[in-house]
Protein backbone atom coordinates (compact mmCIF):
# COMPACT_ATOMS: atom_id res chain seq x y z
CA MET A 1 0.00 0.09 -0.09
CA THR A 2 1.38 3.40 -1.00
CA ASP A 3 1.95 6.37 1.10
CA PRO A 4 -1.08 8.23 -0.50
CA ASP A 5 -3.25 5.38 0.40
CA MET A 6 -2.05 5.43 4.09
CA ILE A 7 -2.89 9.29 4.30
CA TYR A 8 -6.31 8.74 2.81
CA LEU A 9 -7.01 5.93 4.94
CA ALA A 10 -5.70 7.86 8.15
CA SER A 11 -7.60 11.21 7.18
CA MET A 12 -10.85 9.58 6.65
CA PRO A 13 -11.65 9.29 10.49
CA VAL A 14 -10.76 12.83 10.87
CA VAL A 15 -12.72 14.33 7.98
CA THR A 16 -15.98 12.22 8.60
CA ALA A 17 -15.36 13.58 12.44
CA LEU A 18 -15.42 17.14 11.12
CA ILE A 19 -18.50 16.43 8.60
CA GLY A 20 -20.27 15.02 11.86
CA TRP A 21 -19.50 18.05 14.01
CA LEU A 22 -20.33 20.63 11.27
CA THR A 23 -23.58 18.71 10.56
CA ASN A 24 -25.00 18.86 13.99
CA LYS A 25 -23.49 22.40 14.54
CA ALA A 26 -25.61 23.31 11.57
CA ALA A 27 -28.73 21.87 12.58
CA ILE A 28 -28.73 23.52 15.84
CA TYR A 29 -28.15 26.74 14.19
CA MET A 30 -31.21 26.16 11.85
CA LEU A 31 -33.21 25.94 15.03
CA PHE A 32 -32.89 29.79 15.58
CA HIS A 33 -32.02 30.69 11.90
CA PRO A 34 -33.09 32.67 9.83
CA ARG A 35 -35.18 34.27 11.93
CA GLU A 36 -37.14 35.56 9.16
CA PRO A 37 -38.14 33.70 6.33
CA ARG A 38 -35.58 33.66 3.24
CA ARG A 39 -36.05 32.42 -0.24
CA VAL A 40 -33.18 30.73 -1.57
CA TRP A 41 -34.37 29.41 -4.83
CA PRO A 42 -36.02 26.70 -4.91
CA PHE A 43 -36.15 26.52 -1.06
CA ARG A 44 -37.89 28.58 1.49
CA LEU A 45 -35.64 28.79 4.77
CA HIS A 46 -36.91 29.87 8.16
CA GLY A 47 -35.73 28.65 11.57
CA LEU A 48 -37.54 25.92 13.30
CA ILE A 49 -38.58 27.92 16.38
CA PRO A 50 -39.02 31.39 14.80
CA ARG A 51 -41.53 29.52 12.20
CA ARG A 52 -43.53 27.47 14.86
CA LYS A 53 -43.12 29.97 17.71
CA LYS A 54 -47.02 30.26 18.13
CA GLU A 55 -47.60 26.85 18.05
CA ILE A 56 -44.57 26.24 20.82
CA ALA A 57 -46.26 29.09 22.90
CA ARG A 58 -49.91 27.35 22.72
CA LEU A 59 -48.36 23.97 23.31
CA THR A 60 -46.27 24.96 26.42
CA ALA A 61 -48.83 27.04 27.79
CA ASP A 62 -51.50 24.18 27.29
CA MET A 63 -48.86 21.52 29.14
CA ILE A 64 -48.00 23.88 32.36
CA ALA A 65 -51.91 24.86 32.53
CA ARG A 66 -52.86 21.49 32.39
CA GLU A 67 -50.09 19.80 34.52
CA LEU A 68 -48.04 22.52 36.61
CA LEU A 69 -50.57 25.43 37.10
CA SER A 70 -53.97 24.18 37.27
CA GLU A 71 -57.08 25.90 38.46
CA ALA A 72 -56.93 23.61 41.22
CA HIS A 73 -53.47 23.57 41.98
CA ILE A 74 -53.61 27.56 42.11
CA GLU A 75 -56.76 27.54 44.52
CA ASN A 76 -55.35 25.26 46.71
CA ARG A 77 -51.83 27.01 47.24
CA LEU A 78 -54.05 30.34 47.63
CA GLY A 79 -56.11 28.88 50.01
CA ALA A 80 -53.17 27.25 52.23
CA MET A 81 -51.35 30.94 52.54
CA ASP A 82 -50.96 31.66 55.96
CA SER A 83 -53.14 34.83 56.73
CA GLY A 84 -52.41 35.25 60.37
CA ALA A 85 -50.19 38.47 59.87
CA MET A 86 -52.79 40.29 57.29
CA ILE A 87 -55.57 39.21 59.60
CA GLU A 88 -53.88 40.96 62.65
CA GLU A 89 -53.08 43.95 60.59
CA LEU A 90 -56.55 44.31 59.38
CA ALA A 91 -57.73 44.18 62.92
CA HIS A 92 -55.58 47.13 64.00
CA LYS A 93 -56.57 49.42 61.24
CA LEU A 94 -60.34 48.68 61.51
CA VAL A 95 -60.08 49.35 65.19
CA TYR A 96 -57.13 51.35 66.07
CA GLU A 97 -56.84 53.43 62.89
CA GLY A 98 -61.11 53.52 61.80
CA LEU A 99 -63.06 53.17 64.94
CA GLU A 100 -61.14 54.38 67.63
CA PRO A 101 -60.84 58.26 66.19
CA ARG A 102 -64.81 58.30 65.26
CA LEU A 103 -65.44 57.02 69.04
CA ALA A 104 -63.17 59.63 70.49
CA ARG A 105 -65.28 62.16 68.63
CA ILE A 106 -68.34 61.53 70.14
CA PRO A 107 -69.25 64.34 72.86
CA LEU A 108 -69.03 63.54 76.31
CA ILE A 109 -68.97 59.86 76.42
CA GLY A 110 -66.38 59.24 73.36
CA GLY A 111 -63.31 59.45 75.45
CA ALA A 112 -64.46 57.04 78.13
CA ILE A 113 -65.58 54.64 75.63
CA VAL A 114 -62.08 54.59 74.06
CA ARG A 115 -60.48 54.29 77.31
CA ASN A 116 -62.49 51.42 78.49
CA SER A 117 -63.29 49.60 75.57
CA ILE A 118 -60.84 49.85 72.30
CA ASP A 119 -58.94 47.22 73.47
CA GLY A 120 -61.75 44.67 74.17
CA ILE A 121 -63.10 45.52 70.79
CA HIS A 122 -60.01 45.09 68.94
CA LYS A 123 -59.65 41.41 70.59
CA SER A 124 -63.48 40.83 69.53
CA VAL A 125 -62.84 41.80 66.26
CA LEU A 126 -59.68 39.95 65.81
CA GLU A 127 -61.23 36.61 67.05
CA GLU A 128 -64.05 36.98 64.57
CA LEU A 129 -61.78 37.53 61.63
CA ARG A 130 -59.80 34.79 62.72
CA LYS A 131 -62.93 32.39 63.04
CA GLU A 132 -64.13 33.56 59.30
CA ALA A 133 -60.85 33.87 57.60
CA PRO A 134 -60.50 30.15 56.39
CA ILE A 135 -64.07 30.38 54.68
CA MET A 136 -63.38 33.70 53.06
CA GLN A 137 -59.81 32.61 52.05
CA LYS A 138 -61.04 29.52 50.27
CA ARG A 139 -63.84 31.84 48.70
CA LEU A 140 -61.33 34.03 47.51
CA ALA A 141 -58.74 31.48 46.28
CA ALA A 142 -61.67 29.93 44.25
CA ARG A 143 -62.69 33.30 42.74
CA ILE A 144 -59.17 34.03 41.79
CA ALA A 145 -58.35 30.76 40.43
CA LYS A 146 -61.22 31.03 37.97
CA LYS A 147 -60.56 34.43 37.10
CA ILE A 148 -56.71 33.57 35.99
CA ASP A 149 -56.38 32.05 32.73
CA VAL A 150 -52.92 30.59 33.15
CA GLN A 151 -53.06 29.17 29.72
CA ALA A 152 -53.50 32.51 27.89
CA MET A 153 -51.48 34.58 30.16
CA ILE A 154 -48.34 32.12 29.70
CA GLU A 155 -48.95 31.89 25.87
CA GLU A 156 -49.03 35.52 25.34
CA ARG A 157 -45.79 35.83 27.35
CA ILE A 158 -43.96 33.33 25.13
CA ASP A 159 -45.19 34.53 22.15
CA ALA A 160 -44.23 37.87 22.65
CA LEU A 161 -40.79 36.90 23.30
CA ASP A 162 -38.45 38.11 20.52
CA THR A 163 -36.74 35.32 18.83
CA GLU A 164 -33.49 36.22 19.75
CA ARG A 165 -34.39 36.25 23.13
CA MET A 166 -35.59 33.02 23.10
CA GLU A 167 -32.41 31.73 21.50
CA VAL A 168 -30.39 33.47 24.43
CA LEU A 169 -32.54 31.55 27.02
CA VAL A 170 -32.51 27.85 25.05
CA ARG A 171 -28.72 28.27 24.78
CA LYS A 172 -28.41 29.48 28.41
CA VAL A 173 -30.48 26.40 29.90
CA ALA A 174 -29.20 23.74 27.48
CA SER A 175 -25.68 24.90 26.43
CA ARG A 176 -24.13 21.70 28.14
CA GLU A 177 -26.61 19.64 26.14
CA LEU A 178 -26.24 21.27 22.66
CA ARG A 179 -22.34 21.22 22.92
CA GLY A 180 -22.79 17.55 23.36
CA ILE A 181 -24.80 17.17 20.51
CA GLU A 182 -22.10 18.61 18.37
CA VAL A 183 -19.33 16.40 20.16
CA MET A 184 -21.49 13.57 19.56
CA GLY A 185 -21.71 14.26 15.74
CA ALA A 186 -17.91 14.39 15.72
CA VAL A 187 -17.57 10.85 17.78
CA MET A 188 -20.24 9.25 15.35
CA GLY A 189 -18.42 10.67 12.22
CA PHE A 190 -15.16 9.51 13.68
CA ALA A 191 -16.50 5.99 14.23
CA ILE A 192 -17.89 5.87 10.77
CA GLY A 193 -14.89 6.88 9.15
CA LEU A 194 -12.59 4.50 11.02
CA LEU A 195 -15.11 1.84 9.90
CA GLN A 196 -14.69 2.71 6.46
CA SER A 197 -10.97 2.91 6.53
CA GLY A 198 -10.90 -0.64 8.23
CA LEU A 199 -13.43 -2.18 5.66
CA LEU A 200 -11.17 -0.76 2.88
CA LEU A 201 -8.00 -1.87 4.64
CA LEU A 202 -9.77 -5.59 4.60
CA ALA A 203 -10.95 -5.40 1.17
CA ARG A 204 -7.54 -4.59 -0.17
CA HIS A 205 -5.78 -7.35 1.56
CA ALA A 206 -8.49 -9.79 0.79
């Protein structure tokens, strides 16, 4: 076997590895580019994600609304919130900032009512609010959950994303995996080239 033949056989795995790497790199690039449709006769080129952004937004929003943020899930989370601090703040405002100044303005007896009763009134209001809070909180949670259209909100937000911003986000989240795809293309190309070189060697020695 001549030197040119050896060079050809030795270089084949390197060439196929480069082809595999470039092919996968181009495929990843074409997920996002071109961002706007371009006519390269006779083909019409448009990146997969920009071309199907509305469908991606719709499917993603549908999955999140059904699996992650359903109406029942939102209602349960809102209903389970600790409202103790808000109840105390509300009772304080109702009694000491709302009722007390009004009582104090009552002629002759206003000052006496405030001094003797205001703390007791605050305690009673706080107890009543704590008693009614779970029921009211569940009702409020149910109303809020019904009013929030999670699917429409998420779909609108994703569809409003600039395709360049989407590419930045995807590459930021999946940069390691995307590099792995490129490397895998090179590895598979190298293996194919190595196999081809081996088969050629066997054929020539047969």
